[in-house]
């Protein structure tokens, strides 16, 4: 008799917090665009999203405490500081660009300020795959990363074709990273990404 695959509880609260964070930050950007709010005037619009980020961090740390010493706990321990660093560097870069108008090399450095935390996210996912000792969980994490990559590629390809035809507005290249993370969020609810 073949043993059934192990099941792991789905982290609904983490996914809900991540979805709420994403929704609120997108809503803040849309509201700023509709009401033509610029500069630091956008920061108050980000407060609800940042509160949702706080909830997301809380839930992630709660999960890490539930499975101490595991690969996922170490992953969370890496990702939480990266999330905080990402928010800080994005706000810092926007503020520096708007207030001080750097030029030349300084402008490039300020523009790239948010890049290290984002690159760190990708590194953390790679470390999770390397450190996960449970082969089944490693396969689940790998599947979810592939689903996220596929999701990102489909959306960016379709959007790029529409944009190239003048049927969609320009989307910044870093939106691909946001889509990849959204794909990671959606992957566990898709058949191939369930644990």
Foldseek 3Di string as FASTA:
>chain_A
DDDDDDADDDLVQLLVLVVQLVVQVVVLVVVCVVVVPDACSSVVSNVSSVVSLVSNLVSQCVVLVVPPPALSVVLSVQLNVLVVQLVVLVSVLRNCCVPVVDDDPVNVCSVCSNVVSLVSNVVSLVSSLVRHPPPVVSQLSVQLLVQLLVQLVVVCVVQVVCVVVVNHDDDDPCVSSVSSVVSSSCQCVDPSNPD
